[in-house]
Each structure stands twice: as structure tokens, then as C-alpha cells.
Amino acid sequence: MSQIVVLKVGMSCQGCVGAVNRVLGKMEGVESFDIDIKEQKVTVKGNVEPEAVFQTVSKTGKKTSFWPVEAEAEPKSEAEPKAETETKTEADAKAVVADVEPKLAEAETKPSQV
């Protein structure tokens, strides 16, 4: 069964890219792979197990982790409540300002008793 495995790999130069390229090129079951040094992202497609790909790339000595799924696509249902929460926070802030402004103006007009 073909699947896609996405890893975050600490690569700082073309030598790092070459090391990852060599190990993935020799790995059984790999159909294709893409190495993005800018994003430090390695995408592997093939009849492979995610853990096996992880172990193989880790053997290069590069810091390796699975790519966070949340960063790729955020569900739409989660995005809506966040906007609502921001609106509530903004409304609460306006209410606090409306409550503080008259008290501040009153304090400024009273002579100070020092």
C-alpha cells in the first residue's frame, strides 16, 4: 500500500541534502521523494512504514521528527470559534475601557491630597 510520509529534517547545506538523498535512494519501497532544504521538509512516497523512513533518515545524524499535521491544514470548524473568541475578547476589552475612562477622568479632575 502506497503512502506519504512527511518528516522535518535539520538540513543546513547541500551535503545534508545529499546524505538524506543517498539513504532514501537505497531504501526499499520508496517510489519517490522530495527534499526541501528551505522548509527542512522531506516528503517520501511509497510502500513504506513511517517509522522505517524515520529511522533511515535519522541514521544520517540529522535531527529528524515527523512533520506536525496541524501545521499543514487547520480544520475549518476550529477556525470559526477562534474568531468568535477574539470578538469576545475585544468586546470585553472595550467594556473595561468604558468602565475605566470615567474613573480616570474623575481622578484627573480631583485635586491630589498628598
C-alpha atoms as a PDB file:
ATOM      1  CA  MET A   1       0.000   0.000   0.000  1.00  0.00           C
ATOM      2  CA  SER A   2       1.490   3.315  -1.080  1.00  0.00           C
ATOM      3  CA  GLN A   3       1.532   6.132   1.456  1.00  0.00           C
ATOM      4  CA  ILE A   4       3.142   9.507   2.053  1.00  0.00           C
ATOM      5  CA  VAL A   5       5.486  10.173   4.978  1.00  0.00           C
ATOM      6  CA  VAL A   6       6.491  13.759   5.798  1.00  0.00           C
ATOM      7  CA  LEU A   7       9.473  14.488   8.044  1.00  0.00           C
ATOM      8  CA  LYS A   8      11.128  17.613   9.412  1.00  0.00           C
ATOM      9  CA  VAL A   9      14.882  17.148   8.981  1.00  0.00           C
ATOM     10  CA  GLY A  10      17.549  19.596  10.181  1.00  0.00           C
ATOM     11  CA  MET A  11      19.484  20.297   6.975  1.00  0.00           C
ATOM     12  CA  SER A  12      21.798  23.287   6.644  1.00  0.00           C
ATOM     13  CA  CYS A  13      23.707  22.602   3.421  1.00  0.00           C
ATOM     14  CA  GLN A  14      23.770  20.598   0.198  1.00  0.00           C
ATOM     15  CA  GLY A  15      25.870  17.946   1.965  1.00  0.00           C
ATOM     16  CA  CYS A  16      22.971  17.351   4.348  1.00  0.00           C
ATOM     17  CA  VAL A  17      20.584  17.091   1.404  1.00  0.00           C
ATOM     18  CA  GLY A  18      22.971  14.633  -0.271  1.00  0.00           C
ATOM     19  CA  ALA A  19      23.096  12.412   2.825  1.00  0.00           C
ATOM     20  CA  VAL A  20      19.291  12.226   3.028  1.00  0.00           C
ATOM     21  CA  ASN A  21      19.116  11.693  -0.740  1.00  0.00           C
ATOM     22  CA  ARG A  22      21.547   8.728  -0.541  1.00  0.00           C
ATOM     23  CA  VAL A  23      19.738   6.867   2.253  1.00  0.00           C
ATOM     24  CA  LEU A  24      16.288   7.352   0.711  1.00  0.00           C
ATOM     25  CA  GLY A  25      17.574   6.316  -2.718  1.00  0.00           C
ATOM     26  CA  LYS A  26      18.711   2.977  -1.263  1.00  0.00           C
ATOM     27  CA  MET A  27      15.575   2.383   0.838  1.00  0.00           C
ATOM     28  CA  GLU A  28      13.342  -0.440  -0.338  1.00  0.00           C
ATOM     29  CA  GLY A  29       9.749   0.526  -1.178  1.00  0.00           C
ATOM     30  CA  VAL A  30      10.435   4.213  -1.853  1.00  0.00           C
ATOM     31  CA  GLU A  31       8.731   5.291  -5.102  1.00  0.00           C
ATOM     32  CA  SER A  32       9.668   8.976  -4.943  1.00  0.00           C
ATOM     33  CA  PHE A  33      10.799  11.641  -2.504  1.00  0.00           C
ATOM     34  CA  ASP A  34      11.173  15.407  -2.340  1.00  0.00           C
ATOM     35  CA  ILE A  35      13.723  17.247  -0.206  1.00  0.00           C
ATOM     36  CA  ASP A  36      13.051  20.924   0.579  1.00  0.00           C
ATOM     37  CA  ILE A  37      16.092  22.404   2.359  1.00  0.00           C
ATOM     38  CA  LYS A  38      14.406  25.801   2.834  1.00  0.00           C
ATOM     39  CA  GLU A  39      11.492  24.328   4.817  1.00  0.00           C
ATOM     40  CA  GLN A  40      13.644  21.450   6.123  1.00  0.00           C
ATOM     41  CA  LYS A  41      10.929  19.118   4.883  1.00  0.00           C
ATOM     42  CA  VAL A  42      11.321  15.632   3.396  1.00  0.00           C
ATOM     43  CA  THR A  43       8.305  14.027   1.706  1.00  0.00           C
ATOM     44  CA  VAL A  44       8.543  10.316   0.884  1.00  0.00           C
ATOM     45  CA  LYS A  45       6.009   8.381  -1.187  1.00  0.00           C
ATOM     46  CA  GLY A  46       5.991   4.617  -1.459  1.00  0.00           C
ATOM     47  CA  ASN A  47       5.194   1.272   0.065  1.00  0.00           C
ATOM     48  CA  VAL A  48       6.993   2.155   3.298  1.00  0.00           C
ATOM     49  CA  GLU A  49       6.312   2.282   7.016  1.00  0.00           C
ATOM     50  CA  PRO A  50       6.565   5.781   8.561  1.00  0.00           C
ATOM     51  CA  GLU A  51       8.762   4.511  11.410  1.00  0.00           C
ATOM     52  CA  ALA A  52      11.157   2.820   8.958  1.00  0.00           C
ATOM     53  CA  VAL A  53      11.527   6.057   6.963  1.00  0.00           C
ATOM     54  CA  PHE A  54      12.098   7.965  10.206  1.00  0.00           C
ATOM     55  CA  GLN A  55      14.803   5.503  11.353  1.00  0.00           C
ATOM     56  CA  THR A  56      16.524   5.526   7.950  1.00  0.00           C
ATOM     57  CA  VAL A  57      16.715   9.329   7.766  1.00  0.00           C
ATOM     58  CA  SER A  58      17.783   9.538  11.435  1.00  0.00           C
ATOM     59  CA  LYS A  59      20.841   7.397  10.613  1.00  0.00           C
ATOM     60  CA  THR A  60      22.241  10.369   8.661  1.00  0.00           C
ATOM     61  CA  GLY A  61      22.815  12.090  12.009  1.00  0.00           C
ATOM     62  CA  LYS A  62      20.388  14.897  11.146  1.00  0.00           C
ATOM     63  CA  LYS A  63      17.778  15.941  13.706  1.00  0.00           C
ATOM     64  CA  THR A  64      14.607  14.236  12.476  1.00  0.00           C
ATOM     65  CA  SER A  65      10.962  14.379  13.553  1.00  0.00           C
ATOM     66  CA  PHE A  66       7.583  13.752  11.978  1.00  0.00           C
ATOM     67  CA  TRP A  67       6.126  16.847  10.308  1.00  0.00           C
ATOM     68  CA  PRO A  68       3.348  18.324  12.501  1.00  0.00           C
ATOM     69  CA  VAL A  69      -0.044  17.512  10.951  1.00  0.00           C
ATOM     70  CA  GLU A  70      -1.696  20.648  12.451  1.00  0.00           C
ATOM     71  CA  ALA A  71       0.668  22.924  10.552  1.00  0.00           C
ATOM     72  CA  GLU A  72      -0.434  21.602   7.155  1.00  0.00           C
ATOM     73  CA  ALA A  73      -4.206  22.089   7.375  1.00  0.00           C
ATOM     74  CA  GLU A  74      -6.323  23.528  10.132  1.00  0.00           C
ATOM     75  CA  PRO A  75      -9.913  22.268  10.216  1.00  0.00           C
ATOM     76  CA  LYS A  76     -12.450  24.939   9.317  1.00  0.00           C
ATOM     77  CA  SER A  77     -14.601  24.144  12.365  1.00  0.00           C
ATOM     78  CA  GLU A  78     -11.706  25.132  14.651  1.00  0.00           C
ATOM     79  CA  ALA A  79     -11.046  28.403  12.832  1.00  0.00           C
ATOM     80  CA  GLU A  80     -14.545  29.778  13.444  1.00  0.00           C
ATOM     81  CA  PRO A  81     -14.576  29.555  17.274  1.00  0.00           C
ATOM     82  CA  LYS A  82     -11.180  31.284  17.405  1.00  0.00           C
ATOM     83  CA  ALA A  83     -12.641  34.276  15.556  1.00  0.00           C
ATOM     84  CA  GLU A  84     -15.584  34.287  17.960  1.00  0.00           C
ATOM     85  CA  THR A  85     -13.232  34.166  20.951  1.00  0.00           C
ATOM     86  CA  GLU A  86     -11.274  37.115  19.569  1.00  0.00           C
ATOM     87  CA  THR A  87     -14.513  39.074  19.202  1.00  0.00           C
ATOM     88  CA  LYS A  88     -15.481  38.321  22.800  1.00  0.00           C
ATOM     89  CA  THR A  89     -12.047  39.385  23.994  1.00  0.00           C
ATOM     90  CA  GLU A  90     -12.285  42.613  22.003  1.00  0.00           C
ATOM     91  CA  ALA A  91     -15.768  43.311  23.401  1.00  0.00           C
ATOM     92  CA  ASP A  92     -14.543  42.617  26.936  1.00  0.00           C
ATOM     93  CA  ALA A  93     -11.621  44.996  26.433  1.00  0.00           C
ATOM     94  CA  LYS A  94     -13.976  47.742  25.226  1.00  0.00           C
ATOM     95  CA  ALA A  95     -16.183  47.199  28.283  1.00  0.00           C
ATOM     96  CA  VAL A  96     -13.187  47.545  30.599  1.00  0.00           C
ATOM     97  CA  VAL A  97     -12.072  50.734  28.829  1.00  0.00           C
ATOM     98  CA  ALA A  98     -15.602  52.143  29.066  1.00  0.00           C
ATOM     99  CA  ASP A  99     -15.595  51.385  32.798  1.00  0.00           C
ATOM    100  CA  VAL A 100     -12.108  52.814  33.465  1.00  0.00           C
ATOM    101  CA  GLU A 101     -12.299  56.009  31.373  1.00  0.00           C
ATOM    102  CA  PRO A 102     -14.912  57.800  33.571  1.00  0.00           C
ATOM    103  CA  LYS A 103     -12.982  56.860  36.729  1.00  0.00           C
ATOM    104  CA  LEU A 104      -9.752  58.119  35.171  1.00  0.00           C
ATOM    105  CA  ALA A 105     -11.367  61.415  34.146  1.00  0.00           C
ATOM    106  CA  GLU A 106     -12.798  61.811  37.662  1.00  0.00           C
ATOM    107  CA  ALA A 107      -9.395  61.160  39.247  1.00  0.00           C
ATOM    108  CA  GLU A 108      -7.742  63.747  36.997  1.00  0.00           C
ATOM    109  CA  THR A 109     -10.213  66.495  37.979  1.00  0.00           C
ATOM    110  CA  LYS A 110      -9.918  65.950  41.753  1.00  0.00           C
ATOM    111  CA  PRO A 111      -7.089  67.821  43.468  1.00  0.00           C
ATOM    112  CA  SER A 112      -4.439  65.487  44.737  1.00  0.00           C
ATOM    113  CA  GLN A 113      -4.245  65.024  48.511  1.00  0.00           C
ATOM    114  CA  VAL A 114      -0.595  64.385  49.228  1.00  0.00           C
END
